[in-house]
Amino acid sequence: MEDEHEDEWPPPDARYRSALWRAEGHLERGEWDQAAAALDDVLGVGDDELVRGMRHLAAAGYRARDGDQIRARRQLEHARCRLEPYLPDQEEVDLESLVEVVRRVIES
């Protein structure tokens, strides 16, 4: 049976890794919506648990930006739970640093 992704370009693995790296940059810059969009594009392509954990970081930053500290903290906790098996880094993404970036945003 032929692989259904064989002719896909860019290859799914490359697309997945690229989305993680783009999301990392967006999260570092506080671009919460763009980070979420980059991650949404690869749900179902790679490790969904990692993608969802990073998506929670974007949601936490978004909530903090809107002044909803309670939900921001809740989203950060969801992110930590999902990302725990991947810490400190995964796919060349410094997850520990991203969690810290979002934590600082929430506490500021």
N, C-alpha and C. Protein backbone atom coordinates (compact mmCIF):
# COMPACT_ATOMS: atom_id res chain seq x y z
N MET A 1 0.84 -1.19 0.00
CA MET A 1 0.00 0.00 0.00
C MET A 1 0.88 1.25 0.00
N GLU A 2 0.58 2.18 -0.85
CA GLU A 2 1.37 3.39 -1.00
C GLU A 2 1.06 4.37 0.14
N ASP A 3 2.12 5.01 0.63
CA ASP A 3 1.98 5.99 1.71
C ASP A 3 1.18 7.19 1.18
N GLU A 4 0.10 7.55 1.89
CA GLU A 4 -0.76 8.64 1.44
C GLU A 4 -0.07 9.99 1.46
N HIS A 5 1.02 10.13 2.23
CA HIS A 5 1.74 11.40 2.34
C HIS A 5 2.98 11.45 1.45
N GLU A 6 3.19 10.41 0.65
CA GLU A 6 4.41 10.29 -0.13
C GLU A 6 4.64 11.48 -1.06
N ASP A 7 3.61 11.98 -1.69
CA ASP A 7 3.76 13.07 -2.65
C ASP A 7 3.54 14.45 -2.04
N GLU A 8 3.31 14.52 -0.75
CA GLU A 8 3.04 15.79 -0.09
C GLU A 8 4.31 16.63 -0.03
N TRP A 9 4.18 17.93 -0.36
CA TRP A 9 5.32 18.82 -0.24
C TRP A 9 4.88 20.11 0.40
N PRO A 10 5.58 20.61 1.41
CA PRO A 10 6.72 19.94 2.03
C PRO A 10 6.28 18.69 2.77
N PRO A 11 7.22 17.79 2.99
CA PRO A 11 6.87 16.55 3.70
C PRO A 11 6.27 16.87 5.07
N PRO A 12 5.35 16.06 5.55
CA PRO A 12 4.68 16.33 6.83
C PRO A 12 5.65 16.56 7.99
N ASP A 13 6.72 15.78 8.08
CA ASP A 13 7.68 15.97 9.18
C ASP A 13 8.31 17.36 9.13
N ALA A 14 8.67 17.81 7.95
CA ALA A 14 9.28 19.13 7.80
C ALA A 14 8.26 20.23 8.11
N ARG A 15 7.04 20.04 7.66
CA ARG A 15 5.98 21.02 7.92
C ARG A 15 5.71 21.13 9.41
N TYR A 16 5.68 19.98 10.08
CA TYR A 16 5.45 19.91 11.52
C TYR A 16 6.55 20.65 12.27
N ARG A 17 7.80 20.31 11.97
CA ARG A 17 8.93 20.93 12.66
C ARG A 17 8.96 22.44 12.41
N SER A 18 8.70 22.84 11.19
CA SER A 18 8.68 24.25 10.84
C SER A 18 7.61 25.00 11.63
N ALA A 19 6.43 24.40 11.77
CA ALA A 19 5.35 25.04 12.53
C ALA A 19 5.73 25.20 13.99
N LEU A 20 6.40 24.20 14.55
CA LEU A 20 6.84 24.30 15.95
C LEU A 20 7.83 25.45 16.11
N TRP A 21 8.77 25.55 15.17
CA TRP A 21 9.77 26.62 15.25
C TRP A 21 9.14 28.00 15.06
N ARG A 22 8.18 28.09 14.13
CA ARG A 22 7.48 29.37 13.94
C ARG A 22 6.71 29.74 15.20
N ALA A 23 6.01 28.77 15.77
CA ALA A 23 5.25 29.02 16.99
C ALA A 23 6.17 29.45 18.12
N GLU A 24 7.33 28.83 18.21
CA GLU A 24 8.30 29.22 19.25
C GLU A 24 8.66 30.70 19.12
N GLY A 25 8.97 31.14 17.92
CA GLY A 25 9.29 32.56 17.71
C GLY A 25 8.14 33.47 18.05
N HIS A 26 6.94 33.09 17.64
CA HIS A 26 5.76 33.91 17.95
C HIS A 26 5.54 33.99 19.46
N LEU A 27 5.69 32.87 20.16
CA LEU A 27 5.50 32.88 21.62
C LEU A 27 6.55 33.76 22.28
N GLU A 28 7.78 33.69 21.83
CA GLU A 28 8.84 34.52 22.42
C GLU A 28 8.56 36.01 22.23
N ARG A 29 7.89 36.36 21.14
CA ARG A 29 7.58 37.76 20.85
C ARG A 29 6.21 38.19 21.37
N GLY A 30 5.49 37.27 22.01
CA GLY A 30 4.17 37.61 22.54
C GLY A 30 3.11 37.70 21.46
N GLU A 31 3.31 37.02 20.35
CA GLU A 31 2.36 37.00 19.24
C GLU A 31 1.48 35.76 19.39
N TRP A 32 0.55 35.85 20.31
CA TRP A 32 -0.23 34.68 20.74
C TRP A 32 -1.11 34.12 19.64
N ASP A 33 -1.79 34.98 18.91
CA ASP A 33 -2.68 34.53 17.85
C ASP A 33 -1.91 33.83 16.73
N GLN A 34 -0.76 34.41 16.35
CA GLN A 34 0.04 33.82 15.29
C GLN A 34 0.61 32.47 15.72
N ALA A 35 1.01 32.36 16.99
CA ALA A 35 1.53 31.09 17.50
C ALA A 35 0.44 30.02 17.41
N ALA A 36 -0.75 30.37 17.85
CA ALA A 36 -1.86 29.41 17.82
C ALA A 36 -2.17 28.98 16.39
N ALA A 37 -2.16 29.93 15.46
CA ALA A 37 -2.45 29.60 14.07
C ALA A 37 -1.40 28.66 13.48
N ALA A 38 -0.14 28.90 13.79
CA ALA A 38 0.93 28.02 13.29
C ALA A 38 0.74 26.60 13.82
N LEU A 39 0.35 26.50 15.08
CA LEU A 39 0.16 25.18 15.69
C LEU A 39 -1.10 24.49 15.17
N ASP A 40 -2.15 25.25 14.97
CA ASP A 40 -3.40 24.67 14.45
C ASP A 40 -3.18 24.01 13.09
N ASP A 41 -2.25 24.55 12.32
CA ASP A 41 -1.98 24.02 10.99
C ASP A 41 -1.40 22.61 10.99
N VAL A 42 -0.83 22.19 12.14
CA VAL A 42 -0.18 20.87 12.16
C VAL A 42 -0.81 19.89 13.14
N LEU A 43 -1.98 20.21 13.66
CA LEU A 43 -2.67 19.23 14.48
C LEU A 43 -2.97 18.01 13.61
N GLY A 44 -2.63 16.85 14.09
CA GLY A 44 -2.85 15.63 13.34
C GLY A 44 -1.69 15.24 12.44
N VAL A 45 -0.65 16.08 12.39
CA VAL A 45 0.50 15.79 11.53
C VAL A 45 1.63 15.13 12.32
N GLY A 46 1.85 15.59 13.55
CA GLY A 46 2.93 15.07 14.38
C GLY A 46 2.41 14.69 15.74
N ASP A 47 3.16 15.04 16.75
CA ASP A 47 2.81 14.73 18.13
C ASP A 47 1.78 15.75 18.62
N ASP A 48 0.52 15.37 18.60
CA ASP A 48 -0.56 16.29 18.98
C ASP A 48 -0.48 16.75 20.42
N GLU A 49 0.05 15.93 21.30
CA GLU A 49 0.15 16.33 22.71
C GLU A 49 1.12 17.51 22.86
N LEU A 50 2.22 17.47 22.16
CA LEU A 50 3.18 18.58 22.16
C LEU A 50 2.54 19.83 21.56
N VAL A 51 1.86 19.67 20.44
CA VAL A 51 1.20 20.81 19.79
C VAL A 51 0.15 21.41 20.71
N ARG A 52 -0.63 20.58 21.34
CA ARG A 52 -1.67 21.09 22.25
C ARG A 52 -1.06 21.79 23.47
N GLY A 53 0.04 21.27 23.97
CA GLY A 53 0.71 21.93 25.08
C GLY A 53 1.19 23.32 24.70
N MET A 54 1.79 23.43 23.53
CA MET A 54 2.24 24.74 23.06
C MET A 54 1.04 25.64 22.77
N ARG A 55 -0.04 25.06 22.32
CA ARG A 55 -1.26 25.83 22.05
C ARG A 55 -1.82 26.42 23.35
N HIS A 56 -1.71 25.66 24.44
CA HIS A 56 -2.12 26.17 25.76
C HIS A 56 -1.25 27.36 26.17
N LEU A 57 0.04 27.33 25.83
CA LEU A 57 0.90 28.48 26.13
C LEU A 57 0.39 29.72 25.39
N ALA A 58 0.03 29.55 24.13
CA ALA A 58 -0.51 30.68 23.36
C ALA A 58 -1.81 31.19 23.99
N ALA A 59 -2.66 30.26 24.40
CA ALA A 59 -3.93 30.65 25.04
C ALA A 59 -3.68 31.39 26.35
N ALA A 60 -2.69 30.94 27.10
CA ALA A 60 -2.37 31.61 28.38
C ALA A 60 -1.91 33.04 28.12
N GLY A 61 -1.05 33.22 27.13
CA GLY A 61 -0.59 34.56 26.79
C GLY A 61 -1.73 35.45 26.31
N TYR A 62 -2.59 34.89 25.51
CA TYR A 62 -3.76 35.61 25.00
C TYR A 62 -4.65 36.06 26.15
N ARG A 63 -4.93 35.15 27.08
CA ARG A 63 -5.78 35.47 28.24
C ARG A 63 -5.12 36.55 29.11
N ALA A 64 -3.81 36.44 29.31
CA ALA A 64 -3.10 37.45 30.11
C ALA A 64 -3.17 38.82 29.43
N ARG A 65 -2.99 38.84 28.12
CA ARG A 65 -3.06 40.10 27.37
C ARG A 65 -4.42 40.75 27.54
N ASP A 66 -5.46 39.93 27.61
CA ASP A 66 -6.82 40.46 27.77
C ASP A 66 -7.18 40.74 29.22
N GLY A 67 -6.24 40.51 30.14
CA GLY A 67 -6.47 40.82 31.54
C GLY A 67 -7.19 39.74 32.32
N ASP A 68 -7.32 38.57 31.76
CA ASP A 68 -8.01 37.46 32.42
C ASP A 68 -6.97 36.55 33.09
N GLN A 69 -6.46 37.00 34.22
CA GLN A 69 -5.36 36.30 34.90
C GLN A 69 -5.76 34.90 35.37
N ILE A 70 -6.97 34.73 35.80
CA ILE A 70 -7.40 33.41 36.30
C ILE A 70 -7.34 32.38 35.18
N ARG A 71 -7.92 32.71 34.04
CA ARG A 71 -7.89 31.77 32.91
C ARG A 71 -6.48 31.63 32.35
N ALA A 72 -5.70 32.70 32.39
CA ALA A 72 -4.31 32.63 31.91
C ALA A 72 -3.52 31.62 32.76
N ARG A 73 -3.67 31.71 34.07
CA ARG A 73 -2.97 30.75 34.94
C ARG A 73 -3.45 29.32 34.70
N ARG A 74 -4.74 29.16 34.48
CA ARG A 74 -5.29 27.83 34.21
C ARG A 74 -4.72 27.26 32.91
N GLN A 75 -4.64 28.09 31.88
CA GLN A 75 -4.07 27.64 30.61
C GLN A 75 -2.58 27.30 30.77
N LEU A 76 -1.87 28.09 31.55
CA LEU A 76 -0.46 27.79 31.79
C LEU A 76 -0.31 26.46 32.51
N GLU A 77 -1.17 26.17 33.44
CA GLU A 77 -1.12 24.88 34.14
C GLU A 77 -1.42 23.73 33.18
N HIS A 78 -2.39 23.91 32.30
CA HIS A 78 -2.67 22.89 31.28
C HIS A 78 -1.43 22.67 30.41
N ALA A 79 -0.79 23.77 30.03
CA ALA A 79 0.41 23.67 29.20
C ALA A 79 1.50 22.89 29.92
N ARG A 80 1.73 23.22 31.17
CA ARG A 80 2.77 22.51 31.94
C ARG A 80 2.49 21.01 32.02
N CYS A 81 1.25 20.66 32.25
CA CYS A 81 0.89 19.24 32.33
C CYS A 81 1.15 18.52 31.01
N ARG A 82 0.74 19.12 29.92
CA ARG A 82 0.92 18.48 28.61
C ARG A 82 2.39 18.45 28.20
N LEU A 83 3.14 19.49 28.56
CA LEU A 83 4.53 19.60 28.11
C LEU A 83 5.53 18.88 29.02
N GLU A 84 5.11 18.52 30.21
CA GLU A 84 6.03 17.91 31.18
C GLU A 84 6.86 16.76 30.60
N PRO A 85 6.28 15.83 29.85
CA PRO A 85 7.09 14.74 29.31
C PRO A 85 8.15 15.19 28.29
N TYR A 86 8.01 16.40 27.77
CA TYR A 86 8.90 16.88 26.72
C TYR A 86 9.98 17.83 27.23
N LEU A 87 9.85 18.28 28.48
CA LEU A 87 10.79 19.27 29.02
C LEU A 87 12.17 18.65 29.18
N PRO A 88 13.23 19.40 29.00
CA PRO A 88 13.28 20.84 28.79
C PRO A 88 13.09 21.27 27.33
N ASP A 89 13.32 20.35 26.38
CA ASP A 89 13.16 20.74 24.98
C ASP A 89 12.74 19.54 24.15
N GLN A 90 12.17 19.86 23.01
CA GLN A 90 11.71 18.83 22.08
C GLN A 90 11.74 19.41 20.68
N GLU A 91 12.17 18.63 19.71
CA GLU A 91 12.21 19.08 18.31
C GLU A 91 12.97 20.40 18.18
N GLU A 92 14.03 20.56 18.99
CA GLU A 92 14.86 21.77 19.00
C GLU A 92 14.08 23.02 19.42
N VAL A 93 13.01 22.84 20.16
CA VAL A 93 12.23 23.95 20.72
C VAL A 93 12.49 23.96 22.22
N ASP A 94 12.91 25.11 22.74
CA ASP A 94 13.21 25.26 24.17
C ASP A 94 11.90 25.49 24.93
N LEU A 95 11.24 24.41 25.27
CA LEU A 95 9.93 24.48 25.92
C LEU A 95 10.01 25.11 27.30
N GLU A 96 11.06 24.78 28.04
CA GLU A 96 11.21 25.34 29.39
C GLU A 96 11.27 26.87 29.33
N SER A 97 11.98 27.39 28.37
CA SER A 97 12.08 28.83 28.19
C SER A 97 10.72 29.44 27.82
N LEU A 98 9.97 28.75 26.97
CA LEU A 98 8.66 29.26 26.56
C LEU A 98 7.69 29.30 27.74
N VAL A 99 7.72 28.28 28.56
CA VAL A 99 6.87 28.27 29.76
C VAL A 99 7.23 29.47 30.64
N GLU A 100 8.52 29.74 30.77
CA GLU A 100 8.97 30.87 31.59
C GLU A 100 8.54 32.20 30.98
N VAL A 101 8.62 32.34 29.67
CA VAL A 101 8.18 33.56 29.00
C VAL A 101 6.71 33.84 29.32
N VAL A 102 5.89 32.83 29.18
CA VAL A 102 4.46 33.00 29.42
C VAL A 102 4.19 33.26 30.91
N ARG A 103 4.89 32.57 31.78
CA ARG A 103 4.73 32.80 33.22
C ARG A 103 5.03 34.26 33.57
N ARG A 104 6.10 34.81 33.00
CA ARG A 104 6.45 36.20 33.27
C ARG A 104 5.37 37.16 32.75
N VAL A 105 4.81 36.86 31.61
CA VAL A 105 3.75 37.70 31.04
C VAL A 105 2.54 37.69 31.97
N ILE A 106 2.20 36.54 32.48
CA ILE A 106 1.04 36.41 33.37
C ILE A 106 1.28 37.17 34.68
N GLU A 107 2.49 37.10 35.18
CA GLU A 107 2.77 37.73 36.47
C GLU A 107 3.06 39.21 36.39
N SER A 108 3.18 39.75 35.17
CA SER A 108 3.51 41.17 35.05
C SER A 108 2.28 42.05 35.13
